[in-house]
């Protein structure tokens, strides 16, 4: 498997990268080298290797979930840089 110059240009466009021709050629060579190396991994016999998600056998340590009183609204709003009545004010992020 190899990557063509056109595919590199398409990926660059999707990533909004303006690449020069020499950069495209350089990246094409580098990606093809990586793909050749990964292709070598297909030669390994992994029939008797158990799949794993971590190299170490790890277990999460969970604490008990304790129900308690939440912070009063007035106390939560005390240090808010902007507030409106009983709500936090934040900059508008969605434009109509």
PDB file of N, CA and C in Angstrom:
ATOM      1  N   UNK A   1       0.851  -1.179   0.000  1.00  0.00           N
ATOM      2  CA  UNK A   1       0.000   0.000   0.000  1.00  0.00           C
ATOM      3  C   UNK A   1       0.891   1.235   0.000  1.00  0.00           C
ATOM      4  N   UNK A   2       0.542   2.184  -0.825  1.00  0.00           N
ATOM      5  CA  UNK A   2       1.289   3.437  -0.838  1.00  0.00           C
ATOM      6  C   UNK A   2       0.310   4.590  -1.031  1.00  0.00           C
ATOM      7  N   UNK A   3       0.797   5.770  -0.746  1.00  0.00           N
ATOM      8  CA  UNK A   3      -0.022   6.977  -0.834  1.00  0.00           C
ATOM      9  C   UNK A   3       0.463   7.788  -2.031  1.00  0.00           C
ATOM     10  N   UNK A   4      -0.466   8.285  -2.815  1.00  0.00           N
ATOM     11  CA  UNK A   4      -0.109   9.079  -3.998  1.00  0.00           C
ATOM     12  C   UNK A   4      -0.023  10.561  -3.650  1.00  0.00           C
ATOM     13  N   UNK A   5       0.549  11.302  -4.562  1.00  0.00           N
ATOM     14  CA  UNK A   5       0.673  12.756  -4.388  1.00  0.00           C
ATOM     15  C   UNK A   5      -0.722  13.396  -4.272  1.00  0.00           C
ATOM     16  N   UNK A   6      -1.673  12.885  -5.057  1.00  0.00           N
ATOM     17  CA  UNK A   6      -3.035  13.434  -5.031  1.00  0.00           C
ATOM     18  C   UNK A   6      -3.684  13.209  -3.665  1.00  0.00           C
ATOM     19  N   UNK A   7      -3.424  12.041  -3.075  1.00  0.00           N
ATOM     20  CA  UNK A   7      -3.985  11.758  -1.751  1.00  0.00           C
ATOM     21  C   UNK A   7      -3.379  12.676  -0.691  1.00  0.00           C
ATOM     22  N   UNK A   8      -2.094  12.937  -0.804  1.00  0.00           N
ATOM     23  CA  UNK A   8      -1.431  13.863   0.130  1.00  0.00           C
ATOM     24  C   UNK A   8      -2.037  15.258  -0.016  1.00  0.00           C
ATOM     25  N   UNK A   9      -2.261  15.684  -1.251  1.00  0.00           N
ATOM     26  CA  UNK A   9      -2.864  17.005  -1.487  1.00  0.00           C
ATOM     27  C   UNK A   9      -4.274  17.078  -0.892  1.00  0.00           C
ATOM     28  N   UNK A  10      -5.041  15.997  -1.024  1.00  0.00           N
ATOM     29  CA  UNK A  10      -6.406  15.957  -0.478  1.00  0.00           C
ATOM     30  C   UNK A  10      -6.372  16.026   1.048  1.00  0.00           C
ATOM     31  N   UNK A  11      -5.453  15.255   1.655  1.00  0.00           N
ATOM     32  CA  UNK A  11      -5.313  15.281   3.116  1.00  0.00           C
ATOM     33  C   UNK A  11      -4.892  16.674   3.582  1.00  0.00           C
ATOM     34  N   UNK A  12      -3.977  17.284   2.860  1.00  0.00           N
ATOM     35  CA  UNK A  12      -3.520  18.633   3.212  1.00  0.00           C
ATOM     36  C   UNK A  12      -4.666  19.631   3.113  1.00  0.00           C
ATOM     37  N   UNK A  13      -5.496  19.473   2.089  1.00  0.00           N
ATOM     38  CA  UNK A  13      -6.653  20.365   1.932  1.00  0.00           C
ATOM     39  C   UNK A  13      -7.616  20.184   3.101  1.00  0.00           C
ATOM     40  N   UNK A  14      -7.894  18.923   3.482  1.00  0.00           N
ATOM     41  CA  UNK A  14      -8.807  18.663   4.594  1.00  0.00           C
ATOM     42  C   UNK A  14      -8.265  19.216   5.904  1.00  0.00           C
ATOM     43  N   UNK A  15      -6.931  19.189   6.050  1.00  0.00           N
ATOM     44  CA  UNK A  15      -6.294  19.700   7.262  1.00  0.00           C
ATOM     45  C   UNK A  15      -6.016  21.203   7.159  1.00  0.00           C
ATOM     46  N   UNK A  16      -6.423  21.792   6.044  1.00  0.00           N
ATOM     47  CA  UNK A  16      -6.224  23.213   5.786  1.00  0.00           C
ATOM     48  C   UNK A  16      -4.746  23.601   5.864  1.00  0.00           C
ATOM     49  N   UNK A  17      -3.922  22.783   5.214  1.00  0.00           N
ATOM     50  CA  UNK A  17      -2.488  23.035   5.150  1.00  0.00           C
ATOM     51  C   UNK A  17      -2.127  23.480   3.741  1.00  0.00           C
ATOM     52  N   UNK A  18      -1.352  24.524   3.639  1.00  0.00           N
ATOM     53  CA  UNK A  18      -0.842  24.973   2.343  1.00  0.00           C
ATOM     54  C   UNK A  18       0.569  24.424   2.198  1.00  0.00           C
ATOM     55  N   UNK A  19       0.694  23.347   1.442  1.00  0.00           N
ATOM     56  CA  UNK A  19       1.998  22.709   1.275  1.00  0.00           C
ATOM     57  C   UNK A  19       2.565  23.028  -0.096  1.00  0.00           C
ATOM     58  N   UNK A  20       3.867  23.233  -0.129  1.00  0.00           N
ATOM     59  CA  UNK A  20       4.563  23.443  -1.401  1.00  0.00           C
ATOM     60  C   UNK A  20       4.835  22.075  -2.009  1.00  0.00           C
ATOM     61  N   UNK A  21       5.176  22.060  -3.313  1.00  0.00           N
ATOM     62  CA  UNK A  21       5.417  20.801  -4.008  1.00  0.00           C
ATOM     63  C   UNK A  21       6.528  19.978  -3.356  1.00  0.00           C
ATOM     64  N   UNK A  22       7.598  20.653  -2.934  1.00  0.00           N
ATOM     65  CA  UNK A  22       8.700  19.897  -2.310  1.00  0.00           C
ATOM     66  C   UNK A  22       8.268  19.306  -0.964  1.00  0.00           C
ATOM     67  N   UNK A  23       7.380  19.990  -0.239  1.00  0.00           N
ATOM     68  CA  UNK A  23       6.874  19.459   1.027  1.00  0.00           C
ATOM     69  C   UNK A  23       5.962  18.255   0.778  1.00  0.00           C
ATOM     70  N   UNK A  24       5.144  18.347  -0.263  1.00  0.00           N
ATOM     71  CA  UNK A  24       4.252  17.238  -0.607  1.00  0.00           C
ATOM     72  C   UNK A  24       5.080  16.005  -0.964  1.00  0.00           C
ATOM     73  N   UNK A  25       6.128  16.194  -1.767  1.00  0.00           N
ATOM     74  CA  UNK A  25       6.988  15.070  -2.148  1.00  0.00           C
ATOM     75  C   UNK A  25       7.685  14.472  -0.933  1.00  0.00           C
ATOM     76  N   UNK A  26       8.136  15.333  -0.024  1.00  0.00           N
ATOM     77  CA  UNK A  26       8.818  14.866   1.184  1.00  0.00           C
ATOM     78  C   UNK A  26       7.846  14.060   2.064  1.00  0.00           C
ATOM     79  N   UNK A  27       6.646  14.586   2.266  1.00  0.00           N
ATOM     80  CA  UNK A  27       5.651  13.915   3.099  1.00  0.00           C
ATOM     81  C   UNK A  27       5.214  12.598   2.448  1.00  0.00           C
ATOM     82  N   UNK A  28       5.061  12.606   1.137  1.00  0.00           N
ATOM     83  CA  UNK A  28       4.686  11.382   0.433  1.00  0.00           C
ATOM     84  C   UNK A  28       5.718  10.282   0.683  1.00  0.00           C
ATOM     85  N   UNK A  29       6.991  10.633   0.596  1.00  0.00           N
ATOM     86  CA  UNK A  29       8.057   9.666   0.854  1.00  0.00           C
ATOM     87  C   UNK A  29       8.038   9.164   2.288  1.00  0.00           C
ATOM     88  N   UNK A  30       7.849  10.077   3.226  1.00  0.00           N
ATOM     89  CA  UNK A  30       7.850   9.702   4.638  1.00  0.00           C
ATOM     90  C   UNK A  30       6.666   8.784   4.968  1.00  0.00           C
ATOM     91  N   UNK A  31       5.482   9.116   4.470  1.00  0.00           N
ATOM     92  CA  UNK A  31       4.301   8.294   4.754  1.00  0.00           C
ATOM     93  C   UNK A  31       4.460   6.918   4.126  1.00  0.00           C
ATOM     94  N   UNK A  32       4.994   6.868   2.918  1.00  0.00           N
ATOM     95  CA  UNK A  32       5.194   5.577   2.271  1.00  0.00           C
ATOM     96  C   UNK A  32       6.222   4.730   3.026  1.00  0.00           C
ATOM     97  N   UNK A  33       7.246   5.352   3.602  1.00  0.00           N
ATOM     98  CA  UNK A  33       8.206   4.613   4.436  1.00  0.00           C
ATOM     99  C   UNK A  33       7.516   4.038   5.667  1.00  0.00           C
ATOM    100  N   UNK A  34       6.662   4.833   6.287  1.00  0.00           N
ATOM    101  CA  UNK A  34       5.928   4.370   7.474  1.00  0.00           C
ATOM    102  C   UNK A  34       5.025   3.197   7.104  1.00  0.00           C
ATOM    103  N   UNK A  35       4.318   3.312   5.987  1.00  0.00           N
ATOM    104  CA  UNK A  35       3.421   2.239   5.557  1.00  0.00           C
ATOM    105  C   UNK A  35       4.192   0.951   5.235  1.00  0.00           C
ATOM    106  N   UNK A  36       5.374   1.078   4.658  1.00  0.00           N
ATOM    107  CA  UNK A  36       6.204  -0.097   4.381  1.00  0.00           C
ATOM    108  C   UNK A  36       6.622  -0.771   5.679  1.00  0.00           C
ATOM    109  N   UNK A  37       6.967   0.039   6.673  1.00  0.00           N
ATOM    110  CA  UNK A  37       7.370  -0.520   7.962  1.00  0.00           C
ATOM    111  C   UNK A  37       6.195  -1.239   8.627  1.00  0.00           C
ATOM    112  N   UNK A  38       5.018  -0.633   8.599  1.00  0.00           N
ATOM    113  CA  UNK A  38       3.826  -1.239   9.190  1.00  0.00           C
ATOM    114  C   UNK A  38       3.470  -2.525   8.443  1.00  0.00           C
ATOM    115  N   UNK A  39       3.699  -2.544   7.143  1.00  0.00           N
ATOM    116  CA  UNK A  39       3.422  -3.732   6.333  1.00  0.00           C
ATOM    117  C   UNK A  39       4.259  -4.923   6.807  1.00  0.00           C
ATOM    118  N   UNK A  40       5.468  -4.655   7.324  1.00  0.00           N
ATOM    119  CA  UNK A  40       6.324  -5.722   7.842  1.00  0.00           C
ATOM    120  C   UNK A  40       5.676  -6.414   9.043  1.00  0.00           C
ATOM    121  N   UNK A  41       4.856  -5.700   9.780  1.00  0.00           N
ATOM    122  CA  UNK A  41       4.198  -6.289  10.942  1.00  0.00           C
ATOM    123  C   UNK A  41       3.221  -7.396  10.537  1.00  0.00           C
ATOM    124  N   UNK A  42       2.722  -7.337   9.310  1.00  0.00           N
ATOM    125  CA  UNK A  42       1.822  -8.385   8.825  1.00  0.00           C
ATOM    126  C   UNK A  42       2.524  -9.733   8.725  1.00  0.00           C
ATOM    127  N   UNK A  43       3.847  -9.724   8.637  1.00  0.00           N
ATOM    128  CA  UNK A  43       4.614 -10.963   8.516  1.00  0.00           C
ATOM    129  C   UNK A  43       4.711 -11.717   9.842  1.00  0.00           C
ATOM    130  N   UNK A  44       4.425 -11.053  10.944  1.00  0.00           N
ATOM    131  CA  UNK A  44       4.543 -11.690  12.251  1.00  0.00           C
ATOM    132  C   UNK A  44       3.416 -12.677  12.488  1.00  0.00           C
ATOM    133  N   UNK A  45       3.742 -13.797  13.131  1.00  0.00           N
ATOM    134  CA  UNK A  45       2.740 -14.801  13.482  1.00  0.00           C
ATOM    135  C   UNK A  45       2.134 -14.417  14.836  1.00  0.00           C
ATOM    136  N   UNK A  46       0.904 -13.960  14.808  1.00  0.00           N
ATOM    137  CA  UNK A  46       0.228 -13.523  16.037  1.00  0.00           C
ATOM    138  C   UNK A  46      -0.962 -14.411  16.370  1.00  0.00           C
ATOM    139  N   UNK A  47      -0.980 -15.619  15.812  1.00  0.00           N
ATOM    140  CA  UNK A  47      -2.109 -16.533  16.034  1.00  0.00           C
ATOM    141  C   UNK A  47      -2.304 -16.876  17.509  1.00  0.00           C
ATOM    142  N   UNK A  48      -1.218 -17.033  18.249  1.00  0.00           N
ATOM    143  CA  UNK A  48      -1.315 -17.457  19.645  1.00  0.00           C
ATOM    144  C   UNK A  48      -1.063 -16.310  20.620  1.00  0.00           C
ATOM    145  N   UNK A  49      -1.208 -15.088  20.140  1.00  0.00           N
ATOM    146  CA  UNK A  49      -1.019 -13.918  20.992  1.00  0.00           C
ATOM    147  C   UNK A  49      -2.387 -13.369  21.355  1.00  0.00           C
ATOM    148  N   UNK A  50      -2.642 -13.263  22.644  1.00  0.00           N
ATOM    149  CA  UNK A  50      -3.935 -12.770  23.104  1.00  0.00           C
ATOM    150  C   UNK A  50      -3.999 -11.249  22.933  1.00  0.00           C
ATOM    151  N   UNK A  51      -5.078 -10.755  22.323  1.00  0.00           N
ATOM    152  CA  UNK A  51      -5.203  -9.296  22.160  1.00  0.00           C
ATOM    153  C   UNK A  51      -5.300  -8.617  23.528  1.00  0.00           C
ATOM    154  N   UNK A  52      -4.729  -7.425  23.610  1.00  0.00           N
ATOM    155  CA  UNK A  52      -4.814  -6.684  24.866  1.00  0.00           C
ATOM    156  C   UNK A  52      -4.929  -5.202  24.592  1.00  0.00           C
ATOM    157  N   UNK A  53      -5.501  -4.515  25.553  1.00  0.00           N
ATOM    158  CA  UNK A  53      -5.645  -3.069  25.402  1.00  0.00           C
ATOM    159  C   UNK A  53      -4.569  -2.327  26.183  1.00  0.00           C
ATOM    160  N   UNK A  54      -3.955  -2.997  27.157  1.00  0.00           N
ATOM    161  CA  UNK A  54      -2.871  -2.409  27.948  1.00  0.00           C
ATOM    162  C   UNK A  54      -1.784  -3.453  28.133  1.00  0.00           C
ATOM    163  N   UNK A  55      -0.562  -2.990  28.237  1.00  0.00           N
ATOM    164  CA  UNK A  55       0.538  -3.932  28.447  1.00  0.00           C
ATOM    165  C   UNK A  55       0.575  -4.430  29.883  1.00  0.00           C
ATOM    166  N   UNK A  56       0.021  -3.660  30.787  1.00  0.00           N
ATOM    167  CA  UNK A  56      -0.009  -4.051  32.197  1.00  0.00           C
ATOM    168  C   UNK A  56      -1.429  -4.364  32.623  1.00  0.00           C
ATOM    169  N   UNK A  57      -1.567  -5.289  33.561  1.00  0.00           N
ATOM    170  CA  UNK A  57      -2.890  -5.624  34.085  1.00  0.00           C
ATOM    171  C   UNK A  57      -3.258  -4.585  35.149  1.00  0.00           C
ATOM    172  N   UNK A  58      -4.020  -3.588  34.748  1.00  0.00           N
ATOM    173  CA  UNK A  58      -4.376  -2.486  35.640  1.00  0.00           C
ATOM    174  C   UNK A  58      -5.848  -2.559  36.017  1.00  0.00           C
ATOM    175  N   UNK A  59      -6.147  -2.153  37.245  1.00  0.00           N
ATOM    176  CA  UNK A  59      -7.530  -2.045  37.701  1.00  0.00           C
ATOM    177  C   UNK A  59      -7.759  -0.633  38.224  1.00  0.00           C
ATOM    178  N   UNK A  60      -8.907  -0.068  37.878  1.00  0.00           N
ATOM    179  CA  UNK A  60      -9.245   1.251  38.408  1.00  0.00           C
ATOM    180  C   UNK A  60      -9.623   1.136  39.877  1.00  0.00           C
ATOM    181  N   UNK A  61      -9.241   2.136  40.619  1.00  0.00           N
ATOM    182  CA  UNK A  61      -9.624   2.189  42.026  1.00  0.00           C
ATOM    183  C   UNK A  61     -10.715   3.246  42.141  1.00  0.00           C
ATOM    184  N   UNK A  62     -11.894   2.811  42.531  1.00  0.00           N
ATOM    185  CA  UNK A  62     -13.017   3.728  42.645  1.00  0.00           C
ATOM    186  C   UNK A  62     -13.299   4.016  44.113  1.00  0.00           C
ATOM    187  N   UNK A  63     -13.668   5.258  44.378  1.00  0.00           N
ATOM    188  CA  UNK A  63     -14.050   5.611  45.741  1.00  0.00           C
ATOM    189  C   UNK A  63     -15.559   5.464  45.867  1.00  0.00           C
ATOM    190  N   UNK A  64     -16.025   5.385  47.074  1.00  0.00           N
ATOM    191  CA  UNK A  64     -17.460   5.308  47.317  1.00  0.00           C
ATOM    192  C   UNK A  64     -18.108   6.626  46.898  1.00  0.00           C
ATOM    193  N   UNK A  65     -19.253   6.542  46.298  1.00  0.00           N
ATOM    194  CA  UNK A  65     -19.995   7.725  45.891  1.00  0.00           C
ATOM    195  C   UNK A  65     -20.856   8.164  47.064  1.00  0.00           C
ATOM    196  N   UNK A  66     -20.512   9.307  47.639  1.00  0.00           N
ATOM    197  CA  UNK A  66     -21.204   9.791  48.826  1.00  0.00           C
ATOM    198  C   UNK A  66     -22.118  10.952  48.435  1.00  0.00           C
ATOM    199  N   UNK A  67     -23.386  10.853  48.780  1.00  0.00           N
ATOM    200  CA  UNK A  67     -24.348  11.920  48.496  1.00  0.00           C
ATOM    201  C   UNK A  67     -24.228  12.956  49.596  1.00  0.00           C
ATOM    202  N   UNK A  68     -24.035  14.230  49.182  1.00  0.00           N
ATOM    203  CA  UNK A  68     -23.981  15.308  50.166  1.00  0.00           C
ATOM    204  C   UNK A  68     -24.596  16.565  49.575  1.00  0.00           C
ATOM    205  N   UNK A  69     -24.763  17.566  50.408  1.00  0.00           N
ATOM    206  CA  UNK A  69     -25.354  18.831  49.982  1.00  0.00           C
ATOM    207  C   UNK A  69     -24.492  19.469  48.893  1.00  0.00           C
ATOM    208  N   UNK A  70     -25.150  20.033  47.899  1.00  0.00           N
ATOM    209  CA  UNK A  70     -24.396  20.741  46.873  1.00  0.00           C
ATOM    210  C   UNK A  70     -24.123  22.166  47.343  1.00  0.00           C
ATOM    211  N   UNK A  71     -23.242  22.829  46.618  1.00  0.00           N
ATOM    212  CA  UNK A  71     -22.858  24.197  46.945  1.00  0.00           C
ATOM    213  C   UNK A  71     -24.058  25.122  46.723  1.00  0.00           C
ATOM    214  N   UNK A  72     -24.381  25.982  47.671  1.00  0.00           N
ATOM    215  CA  UNK A  72     -25.503  26.910  47.466  1.00  0.00           C
ATOM    216  C   UNK A  72     -25.237  27.822  46.265  1.00  0.00           C
ATOM    217  N   UNK A  73     -26.292  28.164  45.545  1.00  0.00           N
ATOM    218  CA  UNK A  73     -26.156  28.972  44.333  1.00  0.00           C
ATOM    219  C   UNK A  73     -25.446  30.298  44.601  1.00  0.00           C
ATOM    220  N   UNK A  74     -25.813  30.989  45.666  1.00  0.00           N
ATOM    221  CA  UNK A  74     -25.184  32.285  45.972  1.00  0.00           C
ATOM    222  C   UNK A  74     -23.681  32.124  46.186  1.00  0.00           C
ATOM    223  N   UNK A  75     -23.286  31.066  46.861  1.00  0.00           N
ATOM    224  CA  UNK A  75     -21.871  30.811  47.131  1.00  0.00           C
ATOM    225  C   UNK A  75     -21.135  30.489  45.816  1.00  0.00           C
ATOM    226  N   UNK A  76     -21.776  29.725  44.927  1.00  0.00           N
ATOM    227  CA  UNK A  76     -21.164  29.365  43.642  1.00  0.00           C
ATOM    228  C   UNK A  76     -20.976  30.593  42.758  1.00  0.00           C
ATOM    229  N   UNK A  77     -21.925  31.519  42.818  1.00  0.00           N
ATOM    230  CA  UNK A  77     -21.861  32.715  41.979  1.00  0.00           C
ATOM    231  C   UNK A  77     -20.977  33.818  42.564  1.00  0.00           C
ATOM    232  N   UNK A  78     -20.533  33.659  43.800  1.00  0.00           N
ATOM    233  CA  UNK A  78     -19.737  34.675  44.486  1.00  0.00           C
ATOM    234  C   UNK A  78     -18.518  35.120  43.678  1.00  0.00           C
ATOM    235  N   UNK A  79     -17.774  34.182  43.116  1.00  0.00           N
ATOM    236  CA  UNK A  79     -16.530  34.515  42.408  1.00  0.00           C
ATOM    237  C   UNK A  79     -16.679  34.538  40.895  1.00  0.00           C
ATOM    238  N   UNK A  80     -17.911  34.481  40.405  1.00  0.00           N
ATOM    239  CA  UNK A  80     -18.118  34.490  38.959  1.00  0.00           C
ATOM    240  C   UNK A  80     -17.754  35.854  38.389  1.00  0.00           C
ATOM    241  N   UNK A  81     -16.966  35.892  37.316  1.00  0.00           N
ATOM    242  CA  UNK A  81     -16.618  37.186  36.727  1.00  0.00           C
ATOM    243  C   UNK A  81     -17.843  37.909  36.168  1.00  0.00           C
ATOM    244  N   UNK A  82     -18.783  37.142  35.605  1.00  0.00           N
ATOM    245  CA  UNK A  82     -20.027  37.714  35.093  1.00  0.00           C
ATOM    246  C   UNK A  82     -21.183  36.860  35.569  1.00  0.00           C
ATOM    247  N   UNK A  83     -22.232  37.513  36.034  1.00  0.00           N
ATOM    248  CA  UNK A  83     -23.428  36.781  36.436  1.00  0.00           C
ATOM    249  C   UNK A  83     -24.654  37.611  36.110  1.00  0.00           C
ATOM    250  N   UNK A  84     -25.777  36.936  35.949  1.00  0.00           N
ATOM    251  CA  UNK A  84     -27.029  37.584  35.635  1.00  0.00           C
ATOM    252  C   UNK A  84     -28.100  36.899  36.480  1.00  0.00           C
ATOM    253  N   UNK A  85     -28.669  37.641  37.393  1.00  0.00           N
ATOM    254  CA  UNK A  85     -29.627  37.085  38.351  1.00  0.00           C
ATOM    255  C   UNK A  85     -29.007  35.875  39.051  1.00  0.00           C
ATOM    256  N   UNK A  86     -29.516  34.697  38.761  1.00  0.00           N
ATOM    257  CA  UNK A  86     -29.003  33.513  39.443  1.00  0.00           C
ATOM    258  C   UNK A  86     -28.265  32.572  38.489  1.00  0.00           C
ATOM    259  N   UNK A  87     -27.690  33.135  37.408  1.00  0.00           N
ATOM    260  CA  UNK A  87     -26.989  32.330  36.408  1.00  0.00           C
ATOM    261  C   UNK A  87     -25.594  32.883  36.134  1.00  0.00           C
ATOM    262  N   UNK A  88     -24.698  32.008  35.675  1.00  0.00           N
ATOM    263  CA  UNK A  88     -23.392  32.443  35.187  1.00  0.00           C
ATOM    264  C   UNK A  88     -23.592  33.047  33.807  1.00  0.00           C
ATOM    265  N   UNK A  89     -22.874  34.139  33.508  1.00  0.00           N
ATOM    266  CA  UNK A  89     -22.903  34.720  32.166  1.00  0.00           C
ATOM    267  C   UNK A  89     -21.620  34.329  31.474  1.00  0.00           C
ATOM    268  N   UNK A  90     -21.752  33.881  30.251  1.00  0.00           N
ATOM    269  CA  UNK A  90     -20.590  33.485  29.461  1.00  0.00           C
ATOM    270  C   UNK A  90     -20.660  34.176  28.114  1.00  0.00           C
ATOM    271  N   UNK A  91     -19.518  34.314  27.433  1.00  0.00           N
ATOM    272  CA  UNK A  91     -19.557  34.936  26.105  1.00  0.00           C
ATOM    273  C   UNK A  91     -20.389  34.110  25.130  1.00  0.00           C
ATOM    274  N   UNK A  92     -21.052  34.803  24.220  1.00  0.00           N
ATOM    275  CA  UNK A  92     -21.894  34.139  23.234  1.00  0.00           C
ATOM    276  C   UNK A  92     -20.988  33.368  22.263  1.00  0.00           C
ATOM    277  N   UNK A  93     -21.303  32.086  22.041  1.00  0.00           N
ATOM    278  CA  UNK A  93     -20.477  31.269  21.153  1.00  0.00           C
ATOM    279  C   UNK A  93     -21.238  30.797  19.928  1.00  0.00           C
ATOM    280  N   UNK A  94     -22.547  30.871  19.939  1.00  0.00           N
ATOM    281  CA  UNK A  94     -23.355  30.446  18.800  1.00  0.00           C
ATOM    282  C   UNK A  94     -23.979  31.689  18.170  1.00  0.00           C
ATOM    283  N   UNK A  95     -23.711  31.872  16.896  1.00  0.00           N
ATOM    284  CA  UNK A  95     -24.265  33.031  16.193  1.00  0.00           C
ATOM    285  C   UNK A  95     -25.497  32.607  15.429  1.00  0.00           C
ATOM    286  N   UNK A  96     -26.469  33.493  15.335  1.00  0.00           N
ATOM    287  CA  UNK A  96     -27.705  33.187  14.599  1.00  0.00           C
ATOM    288  C   UNK A  96     -27.537  33.485  13.148  1.00  0.00           C
TER     289      UNK A  96
END
